Protein backbone atom coordinates (compact mmCIF):
# COMPACT_ATOMS: atom_id res chain seq x y z
CA UNK A 1 -51.70 -7.67 55.79
CA UNK A 2 -51.72 -7.49 52.20
CA UNK A 3 -54.08 -4.77 52.10
CA UNK A 4 -52.03 -2.54 54.25
CA UNK A 5 -48.92 -3.45 52.30
CA UNK A 6 -50.60 -2.06 49.12
CA UNK A 7 -51.60 0.87 50.73
CA UNK A 8 -47.89 1.28 52.17
CA UNK A 9 -46.56 0.84 48.58
CA UNK A 10 -49.35 3.00 47.19
CA UNK A 11 -48.34 6.21 49.40
CA UNK A 12 -44.88 5.61 48.72
CA UNK A 13 -44.50 4.99 45.00
CA UNK A 14 -41.20 6.64 44.25
CA UNK A 15 -39.51 4.85 47.01
CA UNK A 16 -41.18 1.47 46.16
CA UNK A 17 -39.95 2.41 42.73
CA UNK A 18 -36.51 2.61 43.56
CA UNK A 19 -36.29 -0.16 45.51
CA UNK A 20 -37.77 -2.47 42.79
CA UNK A 21 -35.10 -1.08 40.23
CA UNK A 22 -32.31 -1.52 42.62
CA UNK A 23 -33.18 -5.00 43.22
CA UNK A 24 -33.59 -5.64 39.37
CA UNK A 25 -30.14 -3.99 39.00
CA UNK A 26 -28.52 -6.30 41.45
CA UNK A 27 -30.27 -9.42 40.16
CA UNK A 28 -28.96 -8.61 36.37
CA UNK A 29 -25.30 -8.36 37.93
CA UNK A 30 -25.48 -11.29 39.73
CA UNK A 31 -26.44 -13.06 36.73
CA UNK A 32 -23.84 -11.54 34.42
CA UNK A 33 -21.43 -12.44 36.81
CA UNK A 34 -22.83 -15.97 36.84
CA UNK A 35 -23.23 -16.28 33.49
CA UNK A 36 -20.45 -14.27 31.69
CA UNK A 37 -17.22 -15.26 30.67
CA UNK A 38 -14.30 -15.13 32.83
CA UNK A 39 -12.35 -11.64 32.86
CA UNK A 40 -9.42 -11.47 30.65
CA UNK A 41 -5.85 -11.87 32.53
CA UNK A 42 -3.63 -8.69 32.17
CA UNK A 43 -0.95 -9.78 29.99
CA UNK A 44 0.82 -6.14 30.47
CA UNK A 45 4.20 -6.93 32.26
CA UNK A 46 6.05 -3.44 31.39
CA UNK A 47 8.58 -2.68 28.75
CA UNK A 48 10.48 -5.62 27.36
CA UNK A 49 13.50 -6.94 29.62
CA UNK A 50 17.05 -7.56 28.39
CA UNK A 51 17.76 -10.87 27.89
CA UNK A 52 21.19 -10.45 28.27
CA UNK A 53 23.88 -7.43 27.73
CA UNK A 54 27.21 -7.55 26.04
CA UNK A 55 30.08 -4.99 26.45
CA UNK A 56 32.89 -4.33 23.80
CA UNK A 57 31.11 -7.06 21.43
CA UNK A 58 31.66 -7.81 17.82
CA UNK A 59 28.88 -9.53 15.52
CA UNK A 60 29.00 -10.84 12.06
CA UNK A 61 25.90 -11.14 10.17
CA UNK A 62 25.31 -13.61 7.12
CA UNK A 63 22.96 -13.96 4.21
CA UNK A 64 21.05 -17.20 3.69
CA UNK A 65 23.81 -17.93 0.93
CA UNK A 66 26.30 -17.69 3.37
CA UNK A 67 27.94 -14.27 2.13
CA UNK A 68 28.93 -11.74 4.89
CA UNK A 69 26.32 -8.78 5.15
CA UNK A 70 27.46 -6.84 7.64
CA UNK A 71 30.01 -6.81 10.71
CA UNK A 72 29.21 -4.54 13.84
CA UNK A 73 31.27 -3.76 17.20
CA UNK A 74 30.19 -1.32 19.89
CA UNK A 75 30.79 -0.96 23.35
CA UNK A 76 27.10 -2.17 24.69
CA UNK A 77 24.71 -4.38 23.22
CA UNK A 78 21.20 -5.60 24.98
CA UNK A 79 19.23 -8.27 23.70
CA UNK A 80 15.18 -7.88 24.39
CA UNK A 81 13.34 -10.67 25.49
CA UNK A 82 10.11 -9.60 23.93
CA UNK A 83 11.08 -9.74 20.05
CA UNK A 84 14.71 -10.70 20.28
CA UNK A 85 16.13 -7.45 18.88
CA UNK A 86 19.29 -5.85 19.54
CA UNK A 87 19.76 -2.51 21.05
CA UNK A 88 23.19 -1.10 20.33
CA UNK A 89 25.28 2.17 21.69
CA UNK A 90 27.63 3.85 19.45
CA UNK A 91 28.03 1.06 17.07
CA UNK A 92 30.89 0.94 14.41
CA UNK A 93 30.01 -1.30 11.38
CA UNK A 94 31.01 -2.38 7.79
CA UNK A 95 28.55 -3.14 4.78
CA UNK A 96 30.10 -5.67 3.04
CA UNK A 97 30.65 -5.05 -0.77
CA UNK A 98 28.65 -7.56 -3.01
CA UNK A 99 31.37 -7.24 -5.80
CA UNK A 100 34.68 -8.33 -5.88
CA UNK A 101 37.41 -5.80 -5.59
CA UNK A 102 35.01 -3.00 -4.38
CA UNK A 103 35.91 -1.99 -0.75
CA UNK A 104 33.25 -2.25 2.19
CA UNK A 105 31.47 0.97 3.34
CA UNK A 106 32.42 1.65 7.13
CA UNK A 107 30.10 3.82 9.18
CA UNK A 108 29.07 4.71 12.83
CA UNK A 109 26.21 5.92 14.47
CA UNK A 110 25.09 7.50 18.02
CA UNK A 111 22.39 4.10 18.48
CA UNK A 112 21.56 1.14 16.67
CA UNK A 113 18.88 -1.54 16.56
CA UNK A 114 18.78 -4.71 14.72
CA UNK A 115 15.83 -7.01 14.49
CA UNK A 116 15.87 -10.94 15.03
CA UNK A 117 16.66 -12.27 11.83
CA UNK A 118 19.45 -9.24 10.83
CA UNK A 119 17.74 -8.48 7.69
CA UNK A 120 16.73 -4.64 9.02
CA UNK A 121 19.27 -2.07 10.79
CA UNK A 122 17.99 1.18 12.23
CA UNK A 123 21.05 3.64 12.64
CA UNK A 124 19.93 6.41 15.14
CA UNK A 125 21.38 9.89 15.62
CA UNK A 126 23.86 11.25 13.40
CA UNK A 127 25.24 8.64 10.71
CA UNK A 128 28.61 9.09 9.04
CA UNK A 129 30.03 6.18 6.27
CA UNK A 130 32.97 6.15 4.50
CA UNK A 131 34.21 3.86 1.53
CA UNK A 132 37.85 4.03 0.39
CA UNK A 133 39.00 4.75 -2.99
CA UNK A 134 39.33 1.78 -5.54
CA UNK A 135 40.53 1.78 -9.11
CA UNK A 136 39.48 4.74 -10.77
CA UNK A 137 36.37 5.56 -8.07
CA UNK A 138 37.79 8.19 -5.48
CA UNK A 139 36.71 7.80 -2.00
CA UNK A 140 33.29 8.41 -0.99
CA UNK A 141 31.80 10.19 1.97
CA UNK A 142 28.18 9.97 3.14
CA UNK A 143 26.73 11.99 6.22
CA UNK A 144 23.01 11.70 7.34
CA UNK A 145 21.08 10.59 10.42
CA UNK A 146 18.24 7.94 11.26
CA UNK A 147 19.30 6.07 8.38
CA UNK A 148 17.30 2.50 7.80
CA UNK A 149 19.46 -0.12 6.13
CA UNK A 150 18.63 -3.52 4.55
CA UNK A 151 22.16 -5.11 4.76
CA UNK A 152 21.56 -8.52 3.08
CA UNK A 153 20.17 -6.45 -0.02
CA UNK A 154 22.87 -3.16 0.54
CA UNK A 155 19.81 -0.74 0.38
CA UNK A 156 19.54 2.15 2.79
CA UNK A 157 17.14 5.17 3.16
CA UNK A 158 16.32 8.16 5.20
CA UNK A 159 13.87 10.98 5.34
CA UNK A 160 16.73 13.34 7.06
CA UNK A 161 19.09 15.57 5.22
CA UNK A 162 21.75 13.73 3.63
CA UNK A 163 25.29 14.62 1.99
CA UNK A 164 27.66 12.95 -0.08
CA UNK A 165 30.90 13.71 -1.14
CA UNK A 166 33.08 11.72 -3.85
CA UNK A 167 36.56 13.67 -4.53
CA UNK A 168 35.49 17.24 -5.73
CA UNK A 169 31.70 16.34 -6.38
CA UNK A 170 28.98 17.04 -3.44
CA UNK A 171 25.35 16.39 -3.11
CA UNK A 172 23.10 17.37 -0.91
CA UNK A 173 19.29 16.99 -0.37
CA UNK A 174 16.32 16.03 2.08
CA UNK A 175 15.57 12.52 2.17
CA UNK A 176 17.73 9.54 0.35
CA UNK A 177 17.75 6.48 -1.12
CA UNK A 178 20.38 4.46 -2.10
CA UNK A 179 21.54 0.85 -3.57
CA UNK A 180 24.94 0.23 -2.71
CA UNK A 181 25.53 -2.87 -4.81
CA UNK A 182 25.00 -0.47 -8.10
CA UNK A 183 26.35 2.78 -6.36
CA UNK A 184 22.94 4.26 -7.10
CA UNK A 185 22.07 7.29 -4.99
CA UNK A 186 18.74 9.21 -5.42
CA UNK A 187 18.11 12.37 -3.33
CA UNK A 188 14.11 13.26 -3.00
CA UNK A 189 13.71 17.04 -2.31
CA UNK A 190 15.90 20.20 -2.31
CA UNK A 191 18.76 19.05 -4.13
CA UNK A 192 21.75 20.81 -4.55
CA UNK A 193 24.80 19.31 -6.33
CA UNK A 194 28.10 20.74 -7.48
CA UNK A 195 30.14 18.84 -10.18
CA UNK A 196 33.54 20.48 -11.10
CA UNK A 197 34.84 20.01 -14.87
CA UNK A 198 36.62 17.08 -15.68
CA UNK A 199 40.18 17.42 -16.51
CA UNK A 200 41.30 16.62 -19.75
CA UNK A 201 43.87 13.58 -20.40
CA UNK A 202 46.78 14.93 -22.21
């Protein structure tokens, strides 16, 4: 019996080798399933869902010191469950001035995003901002797009073209950084400016 099996295997070496390899692979797979760690569960549940939706809302955000940082109102807001951030359509906002007697900046954009802490705002699409005249300073208008704002620090920046108009003065450039506390504006590239001569006092 054993001699016949040996002759059969000897005459069919290739088929025997395939059978032995297949049995070895199957045994290895069984050992892997038995001894290996359990597969990780699939945590993907799709895009973050809205925790709630508000219409015609008004929002106030304050600094840790209790000072007003910004106000915002819009026709629709969605709060996402995943990161508790706010997605806003057509926001109209006020960035509060940190100095007495200096008016707030008023603005609007196509879309807005506010992080959970209220310390970061992304204004998406076209962005326009206006500050009324005060003391001996003329009104100021700022036009840009896709602006990132840190309202509690009164800072903002963008990589998009920006234009600032103050009275008869005008500045254009690509890329902007601004500190609204000290009225510091920096245009980063391709800058053009027009400053008419000052009128002499009689």
